[in-house]
Protein backbone atom coordinates (compact mmCIF):
# COMPACT_ATOMS: atom_id res chain seq x y z
CA MET A 1 0.00 0.00 0.00
CA ALA A 2 1.16 3.55 -0.72
CA GLU A 3 2.83 5.34 2.20
CA LEU A 4 2.08 8.99 1.46
CA VAL A 5 1.20 10.08 5.01
CA TYR A 6 3.19 7.99 7.50
CA PRO A 7 6.76 9.05 6.55
CA PRO A 8 6.01 12.82 6.69
CA VAL A 9 4.26 12.37 10.05
CA ILE A 10 7.30 10.53 11.44
CA LEU A 11 9.60 13.26 10.15
CA ALA A 12 7.43 15.98 11.68
CA ALA A 13 7.35 14.17 15.05
CA LYS A 14 11.12 13.66 15.09
CA THR A 15 11.68 17.31 14.19
CA MET A 16 9.36 18.53 16.95
CA PHE A 17 10.98 16.33 19.60
CA ARG A 18 14.43 17.45 18.45
CA VAL A 19 13.42 21.12 18.73
CA LEU A 20 11.99 20.52 22.20
CA ASP A 21 15.04 18.46 23.17
CA ASN A 22 12.86 15.56 24.27
CA ARG A 23 15.76 13.16 24.62
CA LEU A 24 14.66 9.79 23.24
CA ARG A 25 16.43 6.69 24.51
CA VAL A 26 15.49 3.70 22.37
CA GLU A 27 16.76 0.24 23.26
CA GLY A 28 15.98 -3.38 22.45
CA THR A 29 14.99 -2.76 18.84
CA GLU A 30 16.94 -5.86 17.80
CA HIS A 31 13.92 -7.78 19.12
CA ILE A 32 11.63 -6.26 16.47
CA PRO A 33 11.81 -8.44 13.35
CA ALA A 34 13.13 -6.69 10.25
CA THR A 35 10.63 -8.53 8.08
CA GLY A 36 7.39 -10.42 8.56
CA GLY A 37 4.46 -9.90 10.85
CA ALA A 38 4.70 -9.08 14.56
CA VAL A 39 2.56 -7.70 17.35
CA ILE A 40 4.02 -4.97 19.55
CA ALA A 41 2.35 -4.93 22.98
CA CYS A 42 3.07 -1.68 24.79
CA ASN A 43 2.19 -0.22 28.17
CA HIS A 44 -0.03 2.86 28.20
CA VAL A 45 0.66 5.97 30.31
CA SER A 46 -0.05 8.80 27.86
CA TYR A 47 -2.29 9.93 25.03
CA LEU A 48 0.89 10.19 22.92
CA ASP A 49 2.10 6.62 23.40
CA PHE A 50 1.26 5.48 19.87
CA ILE A 51 3.72 8.08 18.53
CA PHE A 52 6.59 6.92 20.72
CA CYS A 53 5.80 3.23 20.35
CA GLY A 54 5.93 3.78 16.58
CA LEU A 55 9.24 5.59 16.89
CA GLY A 56 10.53 2.62 18.87
CA ALA A 57 10.16 0.49 15.74
CA GLN A 58 11.95 2.97 13.49
CA PRO A 59 15.48 1.57 14.02
CA ALA A 60 14.11 -1.72 12.66
CA LYS A 61 12.67 0.26 9.71
CA ARG A 62 9.14 -0.92 10.46
CA LEU A 63 5.89 1.04 10.29
CA VAL A 64 3.48 0.07 13.05
CA ARG A 65 -0.26 -0.13 12.37
CA PHE A 66 -2.03 0.67 15.62
CA MET A 67 -5.39 -0.58 16.75
CA ALA A 68 -7.20 2.51 18.07
CA LYS A 69 -10.74 3.32 19.05
CA LYS A 70 -13.05 4.30 16.22
CA GLU A 71 -13.78 7.70 17.74
CA ILE A 72 -10.27 8.88 16.85
CA PHE A 73 -10.91 8.06 13.20
CA ASP A 74 -14.12 10.10 13.37
CA ASN A 75 -12.21 13.21 14.44
CA ARG A 76 -11.96 15.73 11.59
CA ILE A 77 -8.25 16.35 12.20
CA ALA A 78 -6.92 13.07 13.52
CA GLY A 79 -9.16 10.88 11.34
CA PRO A 80 -7.55 11.60 7.96
CA LEU A 81 -4.09 11.10 9.48
CA MET A 82 -5.06 7.79 11.09
CA ARG A 83 -6.56 6.51 7.85
CA GLY A 84 -3.60 7.79 5.84
CA MET A 85 -1.22 5.86 8.11
CA HIS A 86 -3.39 2.74 7.65
CA HIS A 87 -4.10 2.28 11.34
CA ILE A 88 -6.92 -0.04 12.37
CA PRO A 89 -10.17 1.37 13.84
CA VAL A 90 -11.68 -0.55 16.74
CA ASP A 91 -15.43 -0.39 17.20
CA ARG A 92 -15.95 -1.72 20.71
CA LYS A 93 -19.49 -2.75 19.83
CA ALA A 94 -18.25 -4.85 16.91
CA GLY A 95 -14.67 -5.74 17.79
CA ILE A 96 -14.50 -8.89 15.66
CA GLY A 97 -14.14 -6.81 12.49
CA SER A 98 -11.04 -4.99 13.74
CA TYR A 99 -9.60 -8.26 15.03
CA ARG A 100 -9.96 -9.82 11.59
CA GLU A 101 -8.39 -6.81 9.91
CA ALA A 102 -5.43 -6.92 12.28
CA LEU A 103 -5.07 -10.64 11.61
CA GLU A 104 -4.97 -10.02 7.87
CA ARG A 105 -2.31 -7.34 8.32
CA LEU A 106 -0.18 -9.68 10.42
CA LYS A 107 -0.46 -12.49 7.88
CA ALA A 108 0.53 -9.99 5.17
CA GLY A 109 3.78 -9.33 7.08
CA GLU A 110 2.92 -6.08 8.83
CA VAL A 111 3.58 -4.96 12.40
CA VAL A 112 0.46 -4.29 14.47
CA GLY A 113 0.67 -2.22 17.65
CA VAL A 114 -1.68 -2.76 20.59
CA PHE A 115 -2.06 -1.37 24.09
CA PRO A 116 -3.37 -4.46 25.88
CA GLU A 117 -4.25 -2.50 29.03
CA ALA A 118 -6.94 -0.89 26.80
CA THR A 119 -6.88 2.43 28.68
CA ILE A 120 -4.23 4.68 30.20
CA SER A 121 -2.83 3.47 33.51
CA ARG A 122 -3.32 6.23 36.08
CA SER A 123 -1.01 4.42 38.50
CA PHE A 124 1.83 4.32 35.92
CA THR A 125 2.18 0.58 36.52
CA VAL A 126 1.06 -2.16 34.13
CA LYS A 127 -2.64 -2.85 34.68
CA GLY A 128 -4.35 -6.13 33.93
CA ILE A 129 -4.11 -6.79 30.20
CA LYS A 130 -6.40 -8.37 27.64
CA SER A 131 -5.49 -11.57 25.80
CA GLY A 132 -6.08 -10.22 22.28
CA ALA A 133 -2.39 -9.58 21.54
CA VAL A 134 -1.43 -13.18 22.32
CA ARG A 135 -4.46 -14.63 20.52
CA MET A 136 -3.79 -12.60 17.35
CA ALA A 137 -0.13 -13.54 17.31
CA ALA A 138 -0.94 -17.24 17.78
CA ALA A 139 -3.55 -17.17 15.00
CA ALA A 140 -1.19 -15.40 12.59
CA GLY A 141 1.92 -17.36 13.58
CA VAL A 142 3.92 -14.24 14.52
CA PRO A 143 5.82 -13.11 17.64
CA VAL A 144 4.63 -10.68 20.30
CA VAL A 145 7.24 -8.07 21.21
CA PRO A 146 6.69 -6.47 24.65
CA MET A 147 7.53 -2.78 24.88
CA ALA A 148 7.59 -0.21 27.67
CA LEU A 149 7.49 3.58 27.55
CA TRP A 150 8.34 6.05 30.28
CA GLY A 151 8.36 9.85 30.42
CA THR A 152 5.50 10.27 27.96
CA GLN A 153 3.06 10.82 30.85
CA ARG A 154 4.87 14.08 31.61
CA LEU A 155 3.65 15.50 28.28
CA TRP A 156 -0.02 14.48 28.34
CA THR A 157 -1.84 11.94 30.42
CA LYS A 158 -5.28 11.32 31.89
CA GLY A 159 -6.35 13.91 34.45
CA ARG A 160 -3.46 16.30 33.76
CA PRO A 161 -3.19 19.35 31.46
CA ARG A 162 -1.40 18.97 28.15
CA THR A 163 2.21 20.18 28.14
CA LEU A 164 3.10 19.27 24.58
CA THR A 165 5.67 22.04 24.29
CA LYS A 166 7.48 21.15 27.52
CA ARG A 167 11.20 21.08 26.81
CA HIS A 168 13.98 18.72 27.88
CA VAL A 169 11.72 15.80 28.90
CA PRO A 170 13.57 12.47 28.56
CA ILE A 171 11.54 9.71 26.90
CA SER A 172 12.56 6.07 27.34
CA ILE A 173 11.49 3.31 24.92
CA LEU A 174 12.50 -0.28 25.60
CA ALA A 175 11.57 -3.40 23.62
CA GLY A 176 12.04 -6.84 25.08
CA GLU A 177 12.53 -10.41 23.97
CA PRO A 178 9.51 -11.67 22.02
CA LEU A 179 7.05 -14.36 22.95
CA ARG A 180 6.15 -16.83 20.21
CA PRO A 181 2.65 -18.11 20.97
CA THR A 182 1.07 -20.97 19.06
CA ARG A 183 -2.52 -22.14 18.79
CA ALA A 184 -1.67 -24.98 21.15
CA ASP A 185 -0.65 -22.62 23.97
CA ASP A 186 -2.94 -21.45 26.75
CA ALA A 187 -3.64 -17.82 25.84
CA GLU A 188 -4.39 -16.80 29.41
CA VAL A 189 -1.10 -18.24 30.69
CA LEU A 190 0.87 -16.47 27.96
CA THR A 191 -1.02 -13.24 28.60
CA LYS A 192 0.10 -13.40 32.22
CA GLU A 193 3.66 -13.97 30.99
CA LEU A 194 3.36 -10.99 28.62
CA ARG A 195 2.17 -8.73 31.42
CA GLY A 196 5.09 -9.85 33.56
CA ARG A 197 7.55 -9.01 30.80
CA MET A 198 5.97 -5.62 30.17
CA GLY A 199 6.13 -4.89 33.90
CA ALA A 200 9.80 -5.90 34.09
CA LEU A 201 10.66 -3.63 31.16
CA LEU A 202 8.78 -0.75 32.77
CA ASP A 203 10.52 -1.33 36.11
CA ARG A 204 13.87 -1.19 34.35
CA ILE A 205 13.31 2.07 32.48
CA GLN A 206 11.76 3.68 35.55
CA ALA A 207 14.88 2.74 37.57
CA GLU A 208 17.21 4.00 34.82
CA TYR A 209 15.26 7.17 34.02
CA PRO A 210 17.70 10.12 34.15
CA GLU A 211 15.44 12.53 36.08
CA LYS A 212 13.59 12.62 39.38
CA PRO A 213 10.75 14.95 40.34
CA ALA A 214 12.19 18.35 41.20
CA SER A 215 9.58 19.11 43.88
CA GLU A 216 6.70 17.58 45.84
CA GLU A 217 4.32 18.96 43.24
CA GLU A 218 6.25 17.18 40.48
CA LYS A 219 5.87 13.80 42.16
CA TRP A 220 2.54 13.30 40.38
CA TRP A 221 4.31 11.57 37.46
CA LEU A 222 6.01 8.98 39.67
CA PRO A 223 4.16 5.80 40.76
CA ALA A 224 3.31 5.39 44.42
CA HIS A 225 5.65 2.43 44.95
CA LEU A 226 8.58 4.63 43.91
CA GLY A 227 7.61 7.42 46.30
CA GLY A 228 5.41 9.36 43.91
CA THR A 229 1.91 10.72 44.37
CA ALA A 230 0.25 8.92 41.45
CA PRO A 231 -2.72 6.79 42.51
CA THR A 232 -1.95 3.28 43.69
CA PRO A 233 -3.19 0.53 41.34
CA GLU A 234 -6.16 0.00 43.67
CA GLU A 235 -7.00 3.70 43.73
CA ALA A 236 -6.66 3.85 39.95
CA VAL A 237 -9.21 1.07 39.57
CA GLU A 238 -11.68 3.07 41.65
CA LEU A 239 -11.01 6.25 39.63
CA ASP A 240 -11.60 4.39 36.38
CA ARG A 241 -14.74 2.80 37.77
CA ASP A 242 -16.08 6.20 38.83
CA GLY A 243 -15.17 7.72 35.46
CA ARG A 244 -13.05 10.40 37.11
């Protein structure tokens, strides 16, 4: 398929982050296959994660097709861009159609990106994840590459104002060793394994992150178990349940 939109968008994003000096640290890209289908399963802490997850696949020279909620495609600004980059709309009332489309893309040798937590984690830890990533990979006969992002929540996350022009924010992107599920495997067991790997990657980049909150007020972007003031996982569940 023609790639008239994706490359210019990547160039624009890289240029903006360079101007803002958002220092990107990208590691583990050797785990992303240079050819053939693959699922990238990434944690979710920011509204911008699809951009940085996509950039994480750039050293492998792969374009990632993200599964994203249909409402984004309906937006008059974002919609044309999402369609032009050949991302996959997800209608939560009729999810089987998007699943089948993703499966076709994987079998055609493309990389599909998913956020198996489904929604942004307010606690900045890995929430419970859905089994779709593992099931798709098993059905298509492709690997699942776990990925973790950190720092993106400082630019724009749930319940916080957008700070898209904030300068000098380090962004960490880390891909891990892939899982290779088969139809014979227990999807729930492998999903638990995937979550564990995503959590381990996130723990590592949080520990290696080059900045700490500069004040008590800044501790909002640090998870509670690291001394921050983000909601605990239990509190985050209640906030999501209440729709706050």
